[in-house]
């Protein structure tokens, strides 16, 4: 593999994040996903319990996505 084909330093922050996501997705596709650590499973259980207690808590996905996109646009 030639690492000189892609000059990562010339990519915007948003492009580098997208590249990392694409790379991760390609790894996950080949491995069928990776097992969660005990800490990750515990955190997910905690969040699911929190959701069950308060289904209306937190922000809608559209709101969260908007905040993320806003940050990426500013960074990038």
PDB file of N, CA and C in Angstrom:
ATOM      1  N   UNK A   1       0.834  -1.181   0.000  1.00  0.00           N
ATOM      2  CA  UNK A   1       0.000   0.000   0.000  1.00  0.00           C
ATOM      3  C   UNK A   1       0.877   1.241   0.000  1.00  0.00           C
ATOM      4  N   UNK A   2       0.536   2.184  -0.842  1.00  0.00           N
ATOM      5  CA  UNK A   2       1.271   3.436  -0.889  1.00  0.00           C
ATOM      6  C   UNK A   2       0.509   4.488  -0.097  1.00  0.00           C
ATOM      7  N   UNK A   3       1.093   4.967   0.959  1.00  0.00           N
ATOM      8  CA  UNK A   3       0.443   5.988   1.770  1.00  0.00           C
ATOM      9  C   UNK A   3       0.590   7.380   1.178  1.00  0.00           C
ATOM     10  N   UNK A   4       1.392   7.523   0.148  1.00  0.00           N
ATOM     11  CA  UNK A   4       1.591   8.835  -0.476  1.00  0.00           C
ATOM     12  C   UNK A   4       0.470   9.179  -1.445  1.00  0.00           C
ATOM     13  N   UNK A   5      -0.404   8.230  -1.746  1.00  0.00           N
ATOM     14  CA  UNK A   5      -1.508   8.486  -2.671  1.00  0.00           C
ATOM     15  C   UNK A   5      -2.531   9.459  -2.081  1.00  0.00           C
ATOM     16  N   UNK A   6      -2.589   9.551  -0.794  1.00  0.00           N
ATOM     17  CA  UNK A   6      -3.572  10.403  -0.128  1.00  0.00           C
ATOM     18  C   UNK A   6      -2.855  11.264   0.905  1.00  0.00           C
ATOM     19  N   UNK A   7      -2.907  12.565   0.717  1.00  0.00           N
ATOM     20  CA  UNK A   7      -2.300  13.484   1.673  1.00  0.00           C
ATOM     21  C   UNK A   7      -3.374  13.898   2.669  1.00  0.00           C
ATOM     22  N   UNK A   8      -3.443  13.185   3.770  1.00  0.00           N
ATOM     23  CA  UNK A   8      -4.474  13.400   4.781  1.00  0.00           C
ATOM     24  C   UNK A   8      -4.436  14.824   5.314  1.00  0.00           C
ATOM     25  N   UNK A   9      -3.282  15.413   5.379  1.00  0.00           N
ATOM     26  CA  UNK A   9      -3.148  16.770   5.911  1.00  0.00           C
ATOM     27  C   UNK A   9      -3.898  17.794   5.064  1.00  0.00           C
ATOM     28  N   UNK A  10      -4.147  17.478   3.806  1.00  0.00           N
ATOM     29  CA  UNK A  10      -4.851  18.410   2.929  1.00  0.00           C
ATOM     30  C   UNK A  10      -6.371  18.290   3.044  1.00  0.00           C
ATOM     31  N   UNK A  11      -6.845  17.284   3.755  1.00  0.00           N
ATOM     32  CA  UNK A  11      -8.284  17.091   3.925  1.00  0.00           C
ATOM     33  C   UNK A  11      -8.810  18.009   5.024  1.00  0.00           C
ATOM     34  N   UNK A  12     -10.051  18.436   4.869  1.00  0.00           N
ATOM     35  CA  UNK A  12     -10.682  19.226   5.929  1.00  0.00           C
ATOM     36  C   UNK A  12     -10.983  18.295   7.109  1.00  0.00           C
ATOM     37  N   UNK A  13     -11.313  18.884   8.228  1.00  0.00           N
ATOM     38  CA  UNK A  13     -11.660  18.083   9.398  1.00  0.00           C
ATOM     39  C   UNK A  13     -12.834  17.164   9.091  1.00  0.00           C
ATOM     40  N   UNK A  14     -13.842  17.696   8.452  1.00  0.00           N
ATOM     41  CA  UNK A  14     -15.017  16.886   8.111  1.00  0.00           C
ATOM     42  C   UNK A  14     -14.636  15.723   7.198  1.00  0.00           C
ATOM     43  N   UNK A  15     -13.751  15.980   6.232  1.00  0.00           N
ATOM     44  CA  UNK A  15     -13.311  14.918   5.325  1.00  0.00           C
ATOM     45  C   UNK A  15     -12.501  13.860   6.057  1.00  0.00           C
ATOM     46  N   UNK A  16     -11.658  14.277   6.997  1.00  0.00           N
ATOM     47  CA  UNK A  16     -10.877  13.298   7.770  1.00  0.00           C
ATOM     48  C   UNK A  16     -11.783  12.451   8.650  1.00  0.00           C
ATOM     49  N   UNK A  17     -12.806  13.076   9.241  1.00  0.00           N
ATOM     50  CA  UNK A  17     -13.762  12.318  10.059  1.00  0.00           C
ATOM     51  C   UNK A  17     -14.492  11.306   9.180  1.00  0.00           C
ATOM     52  N   UNK A  18     -14.921  11.745   7.990  1.00  0.00           N
ATOM     53  CA  UNK A  18     -15.610  10.833   7.075  1.00  0.00           C
ATOM     54  C   UNK A  18     -14.700   9.683   6.664  1.00  0.00           C
ATOM     55  N   UNK A  19     -13.431   9.977   6.416  1.00  0.00           N
ATOM     56  CA  UNK A  19     -12.467   8.940   6.059  1.00  0.00           C
ATOM     57  C   UNK A  19     -12.333   7.919   7.184  1.00  0.00           C
ATOM     58  N   UNK A  20     -12.256   8.406   8.419  1.00  0.00           N
ATOM     59  CA  UNK A  20     -12.155   7.501   9.573  1.00  0.00           C
ATOM     60  C   UNK A  20     -13.404   6.637   9.685  1.00  0.00           C
ATOM     61  N   UNK A  21     -14.576   7.234   9.459  1.00  0.00           N
ATOM     62  CA  UNK A  21     -15.818   6.465   9.513  1.00  0.00           C
ATOM     63  C   UNK A  21     -15.852   5.408   8.423  1.00  0.00           C
ATOM     64  N   UNK A  22     -15.453   5.792   7.219  1.00  0.00           N
ATOM     65  CA  UNK A  22     -15.437   4.844   6.104  1.00  0.00           C
ATOM     66  C   UNK A  22     -14.472   3.694   6.373  1.00  0.00           C
ATOM     67  N   UNK A  23     -13.310   4.021   6.924  1.00  0.00           N
ATOM     68  CA  UNK A  23     -12.333   2.989   7.263  1.00  0.00           C
ATOM     69  C   UNK A  23     -12.896   2.036   8.310  1.00  0.00           C
ATOM     70  N   UNK A  24     -13.507   2.613   9.350  1.00  0.00           N
ATOM     71  CA  UNK A  24     -14.084   1.778  10.406  1.00  0.00           C
ATOM     72  C   UNK A  24     -15.189   0.889   9.839  1.00  0.00           C
ATOM     73  N   UNK A  25     -16.056   1.449   8.986  1.00  0.00           N
ATOM     74  CA  UNK A  25     -17.132   0.663   8.391  1.00  0.00           C
ATOM     75  C   UNK A  25     -16.586  -0.494   7.570  1.00  0.00           C
ATOM     76  N   UNK A  26     -15.472  -0.271   6.872  1.00  0.00           N
ATOM     77  CA  UNK A  26     -14.893  -1.344   6.070  1.00  0.00           C
ATOM     78  C   UNK A  26     -14.330  -2.459   6.954  1.00  0.00           C
ATOM     79  N   UNK A  27     -13.771  -2.087   8.093  1.00  0.00           N
ATOM     80  CA  UNK A  27     -13.265  -3.092   9.047  1.00  0.00           C
ATOM     81  C   UNK A  27     -14.429  -3.874   9.636  1.00  0.00           C
ATOM     82  N   UNK A  28     -15.465  -3.163  10.049  1.00  0.00           N
ATOM     83  CA  UNK A  28     -16.628  -3.819  10.653  1.00  0.00           C
ATOM     84  C   UNK A  28     -17.304  -4.763   9.669  1.00  0.00           C
ATOM     85  N   UNK A  29     -17.346  -4.383   8.387  1.00  0.00           N
ATOM     86  CA  UNK A  29     -17.976  -5.226   7.376  1.00  0.00           C
ATOM     87  C   UNK A  29     -17.232  -6.548   7.224  1.00  0.00           C
ATOM     88  N   UNK A  30     -15.929  -6.514   7.363  1.00  0.00           N
ATOM     89  CA  UNK A  30     -15.130  -7.734   7.214  1.00  0.00           C
ATOM     90  C   UNK A  30     -15.140  -8.596   8.465  1.00  0.00           C
ATOM     91  N   UNK A  31     -15.259  -7.975   9.620  1.00  0.00           N
ATOM     92  CA  UNK A  31     -15.176  -8.740  10.861  1.00  0.00           C
ATOM     93  C   UNK A  31     -16.542  -9.088  11.426  1.00  0.00           C
ATOM     94  N   UNK A  32     -17.596  -8.530  10.820  1.00  0.00           N
ATOM     95  CA  UNK A  32     -18.930  -8.762  11.356  1.00  0.00           C
ATOM     96  C   UNK A  32     -19.151  -7.973  12.628  1.00  0.00           C
ATOM     97  N   UNK A  33     -18.372  -6.948  12.839  1.00  0.00           N
ATOM     98  CA  UNK A  33     -18.489  -6.145  14.054  1.00  0.00           C
ATOM     99  C   UNK A  33     -17.550  -6.678  15.120  1.00  0.00           C
ATOM    100  N   UNK A  34     -17.305  -5.872  16.085  1.00  0.00           N
ATOM    101  CA  UNK A  34     -16.412  -6.268  17.169  1.00  0.00           C
ATOM    102  C   UNK A  34     -17.211  -6.408  18.451  1.00  0.00           C
ATOM    103  N   UNK A  35     -16.794  -7.303  19.294  1.00  0.00           N
ATOM    104  CA  UNK A  35     -17.488  -7.517  20.560  1.00  0.00           C
ATOM    105  C   UNK A  35     -17.333  -6.285  21.453  1.00  0.00           C
ATOM    106  N   UNK A  36     -18.365  -5.998  22.212  1.00  0.00           N
ATOM    107  CA  UNK A  36     -18.299  -4.889  23.163  1.00  0.00           C
ATOM    108  C   UNK A  36     -17.439  -5.279  24.354  1.00  0.00           C
ATOM    109  N   UNK A  37     -16.777  -4.292  24.896  1.00  0.00           N
ATOM    110  CA  UNK A  37     -16.070  -4.533  26.150  1.00  0.00           C
ATOM    111  C   UNK A  37     -17.110  -4.571  27.265  1.00  0.00           C
ATOM    112  N   UNK A  38     -16.722  -5.021  28.415  1.00  0.00           N
ATOM    113  CA  UNK A  38     -17.636  -5.054  29.555  1.00  0.00           C
ATOM    114  C   UNK A  38     -18.096  -3.638  29.913  1.00  0.00           C
ATOM    115  N   UNK A  39     -17.175  -2.685  29.854  1.00  0.00           N
ATOM    116  CA  UNK A  39     -17.516  -1.293  30.165  1.00  0.00           C
ATOM    117  C   UNK A  39     -18.528  -0.740  29.159  1.00  0.00           C
ATOM    118  N   UNK A  40     -18.348  -1.066  27.881  1.00  0.00           N
ATOM    119  CA  UNK A  40     -19.284  -0.590  26.863  1.00  0.00           C
ATOM    120  C   UNK A  40     -20.670  -1.202  27.072  1.00  0.00           C
ATOM    121  N   UNK A  41     -20.717  -2.503  27.349  1.00  0.00           N
ATOM    122  CA  UNK A  41     -21.992  -3.175  27.587  1.00  0.00           C
ATOM    123  C   UNK A  41     -22.689  -2.590  28.811  1.00  0.00           C
ATOM    124  N   UNK A  42     -21.925  -2.300  29.858  1.00  0.00           N
ATOM    125  CA  UNK A  42     -22.489  -1.697  31.069  1.00  0.00           C
ATOM    126  C   UNK A  42     -23.060  -0.328  30.757  1.00  0.00           C
ATOM    127  N   UNK A  43     -22.335   0.475  29.990  1.00  0.00           N
ATOM    128  CA  UNK A  43     -22.814   1.815  29.628  1.00  0.00           C
ATOM    129  C   UNK A  43     -24.081   1.733  28.789  1.00  0.00           C
ATOM    130  N   UNK A  44     -24.124   0.813  27.837  1.00  0.00           N
ATOM    131  CA  UNK A  44     -25.329   0.657  27.030  1.00  0.00           C
ATOM    132  C   UNK A  44     -26.515   0.228  27.888  1.00  0.00           C
ATOM    133  N   UNK A  45     -26.298  -0.698  28.809  1.00  0.00           N
ATOM    134  CA  UNK A  45     -27.363  -1.114  29.727  1.00  0.00           C
ATOM    135  C   UNK A  45     -27.860   0.061  30.549  1.00  0.00           C
ATOM    136  N   UNK A  46     -26.928   0.885  31.024  1.00  0.00           N
ATOM    137  CA  UNK A  46     -27.282   2.070  31.804  1.00  0.00           C
ATOM    138  C   UNK A  46     -28.141   3.024  30.973  1.00  0.00           C
ATOM    139  N   UNK A  47     -27.741   3.256  29.750  1.00  0.00           N
ATOM    140  CA  UNK A  47     -28.483   4.177  28.881  1.00  0.00           C
ATOM    141  C   UNK A  47     -29.855   3.627  28.520  1.00  0.00           C
ATOM    142  N   UNK A  48     -29.950   2.332  28.289  1.00  0.00           N
ATOM    143  CA  UNK A  48     -31.250   1.727  27.998  1.00  0.00           C
ATOM    144  C   UNK A  48     -32.184   1.820  29.199  1.00  0.00           C
ATOM    145  N   UNK A  49     -31.645   1.610  30.401  1.00  0.00           N
ATOM    146  CA  UNK A  49     -32.455   1.737  31.613  1.00  0.00           C
ATOM    147  C   UNK A  49     -32.923   3.171  31.791  1.00  0.00           C
ATOM    148  N   UNK A  50     -32.055   4.114  31.508  1.00  0.00           N
ATOM    149  CA  UNK A  50     -32.400   5.533  31.595  1.00  0.00           C
ATOM    150  C   UNK A  50     -33.512   5.872  30.594  1.00  0.00           C
ATOM    151  N   UNK A  51     -33.429   5.336  29.410  1.00  0.00           N
ATOM    152  CA  UNK A  51     -34.461   5.546  28.401  1.00  0.00           C
ATOM    153  C   UNK A  51     -35.793   4.954  28.847  1.00  0.00           C
ATOM    154  N   UNK A  52     -35.744   3.761  29.450  1.00  0.00           N
ATOM    155  CA  UNK A  52     -36.974   3.126  29.925  1.00  0.00           C
ATOM    156  C   UNK A  52     -37.635   3.958  31.019  1.00  0.00           C
ATOM    157  N   UNK A  53     -36.807   4.580  31.890  1.00  0.00           N
ATOM    158  CA  UNK A  53     -37.344   5.414  32.974  1.00  0.00           C
ATOM    159  C   UNK A  53     -37.925   6.720  32.452  1.00  0.00           C
ATOM    160  N   UNK A  54     -37.304   7.283  31.406  1.00  0.00           N
ATOM    161  CA  UNK A  54     -37.719   8.589  30.900  1.00  0.00           C
ATOM    162  C   UNK A  54     -37.621   8.604  29.377  1.00  0.00           C
ATOM    163  N   UNK A  55     -38.615   8.024  28.697  1.00  0.00           N
ATOM    164  CA  UNK A  55     -38.562   7.930  27.237  1.00  0.00           C
ATOM    165  C   UNK A  55     -38.532   9.282  26.530  1.00  0.00           C
ATOM    166  N   UNK A  56     -38.993  10.325  27.176  1.00  0.00           N
ATOM    167  CA  UNK A  56     -39.010  11.656  26.566  1.00  0.00           C
ATOM    168  C   UNK A  56     -37.757  12.465  26.900  1.00  0.00           C
ATOM    169  N   UNK A  57     -36.865  11.915  27.691  1.00  0.00           N
ATOM    170  CA  UNK A  57     -35.638  12.609  28.069  1.00  0.00           C
ATOM    171  C   UNK A  57     -34.684  12.716  26.896  1.00  0.00           C
ATOM    172  N   UNK A  58     -33.791  13.650  26.987  1.00  0.00           N
ATOM    173  CA  UNK A  58     -32.801  13.824  25.933  1.00  0.00           C
ATOM    174  C   UNK A  58     -33.363  14.586  24.757  1.00  0.00           C
ATOM    175  N   UNK A  59     -32.581  14.658  23.690  1.00  0.00           N
ATOM    176  CA  UNK A  59     -32.962  15.395  22.490  1.00  0.00           C
ATOM    177  C   UNK A  59     -33.272  14.434  21.359  1.00  0.00           C
ATOM    178  N   UNK A  60     -34.116  14.873  20.449  1.00  0.00           N
ATOM    179  CA  UNK A  60     -34.433  14.084  19.264  1.00  0.00           C
ATOM    180  C   UNK A  60     -33.185  13.957  18.389  1.00  0.00           C
ATOM    181  N   UNK A  61     -33.122  12.887  17.623  1.00  0.00           N
ATOM    182  CA  UNK A  61     -31.971  12.641  16.759  1.00  0.00           C
ATOM    183  C   UNK A  61     -31.733  13.817  15.812  1.00  0.00           C
ATOM    184  N   UNK A  62     -32.789  14.398  15.287  1.00  0.00           N
ATOM    185  CA  UNK A  62     -32.645  15.519  14.363  1.00  0.00           C
ATOM    186  C   UNK A  62     -31.914  16.684  15.030  1.00  0.00           C
ATOM    187  N   UNK A  63     -32.209  16.934  16.307  1.00  0.00           N
ATOM    188  CA  UNK A  63     -31.567  18.026  17.046  1.00  0.00           C
ATOM    189  C   UNK A  63     -30.084  17.705  17.258  1.00  0.00           C
ATOM    190  N   UNK A  64     -29.806  16.483  17.666  1.00  0.00           N
ATOM    191  CA  UNK A  64     -28.424  16.060  17.902  1.00  0.00           C
ATOM    192  C   UNK A  64     -27.631  16.114  16.599  1.00  0.00           C
ATOM    193  N   UNK A  65     -28.217  15.594  15.532  1.00  0.00           N
ATOM    194  CA  UNK A  65     -27.553  15.616  14.231  1.00  0.00           C
ATOM    195  C   UNK A  65     -27.254  17.049  13.806  1.00  0.00           C
ATOM    196  N   UNK A  66     -28.197  17.948  14.038  1.00  0.00           N
ATOM    197  CA  UNK A  66     -27.991  19.350  13.706  1.00  0.00           C
ATOM    198  C   UNK A  66     -26.814  19.954  14.454  1.00  0.00           C
ATOM    199  N   UNK A  67     -26.707  19.639  15.756  1.00  0.00           N
ATOM    200  CA  UNK A  67     -25.581  20.146  16.551  1.00  0.00           C
ATOM    201  C   UNK A  67     -24.254  19.607  16.030  1.00  0.00           C
ATOM    202  N   UNK A  68     -24.232  18.324  15.705  1.00  0.00           N
ATOM    203  CA  UNK A  68     -23.001  17.717  15.183  1.00  0.00           C
ATOM    204  C   UNK A  68     -22.620  18.374  13.857  1.00  0.00           C
ATOM    205  N   UNK A  69     -23.600  18.531  12.976  1.00  0.00           N
ATOM    206  CA  UNK A  69     -23.321  19.126  11.677  1.00  0.00           C
ATOM    207  C   UNK A  69     -22.830  20.554  11.827  1.00  0.00           C
ATOM    208  N   UNK A  70     -23.413  21.280  12.753  1.00  0.00           N
ATOM    209  CA  UNK A  70     -22.983  22.660  13.022  1.00  0.00           C
ATOM    210  C   UNK A  70     -21.522  22.701  13.458  1.00  0.00           C
ATOM    211  N   UNK A  71     -21.139  21.789  14.325  1.00  0.00           N
ATOM    212  CA  UNK A  71     -19.746  21.733  14.794  1.00  0.00           C
ATOM    213  C   UNK A  71     -18.805  21.378  13.655  1.00  0.00           C
ATOM    214  N   UNK A  72     -19.220  20.422  12.823  1.00  0.00           N
ATOM    215  CA  UNK A  72     -18.387  20.038  11.686  1.00  0.00           C
ATOM    216  C   UNK A  72     -18.228  21.193  10.706  1.00  0.00           C
ATOM    217  N   UNK A  73     -19.312  21.906  10.472  1.00  0.00           N
ATOM    218  CA  UNK A  73     -19.249  23.039   9.548  1.00  0.00           C
ATOM    219  C   UNK A  73     -18.300  24.121  10.084  1.00  0.00           C
ATOM    220  N   UNK A  74     -18.339  24.366  11.369  1.00  0.00           N
ATOM    221  CA  UNK A  74     -17.448  25.387  11.969  1.00  0.00           C
ATOM    222  C   UNK A  74     -15.990  24.944  11.904  1.00  0.00           C
ATOM    223  N   UNK A  75     -15.779  23.625  12.091  1.00  0.00           N
ATOM    224  CA  UNK A  75     -14.412  23.103  12.120  1.00  0.00           C
ATOM    225  C   UNK A  75     -13.817  22.992  10.720  1.00  0.00           C
ATOM    226  N   UNK A  76     -14.694  22.883   9.757  1.00  0.00           N
ATOM    227  CA  UNK A  76     -14.240  22.691   8.553  1.00  0.00           C
ATOM    228  C   UNK A  76     -13.868  22.688   7.305  1.00  0.00           C
TER     229      UNK A  76
END
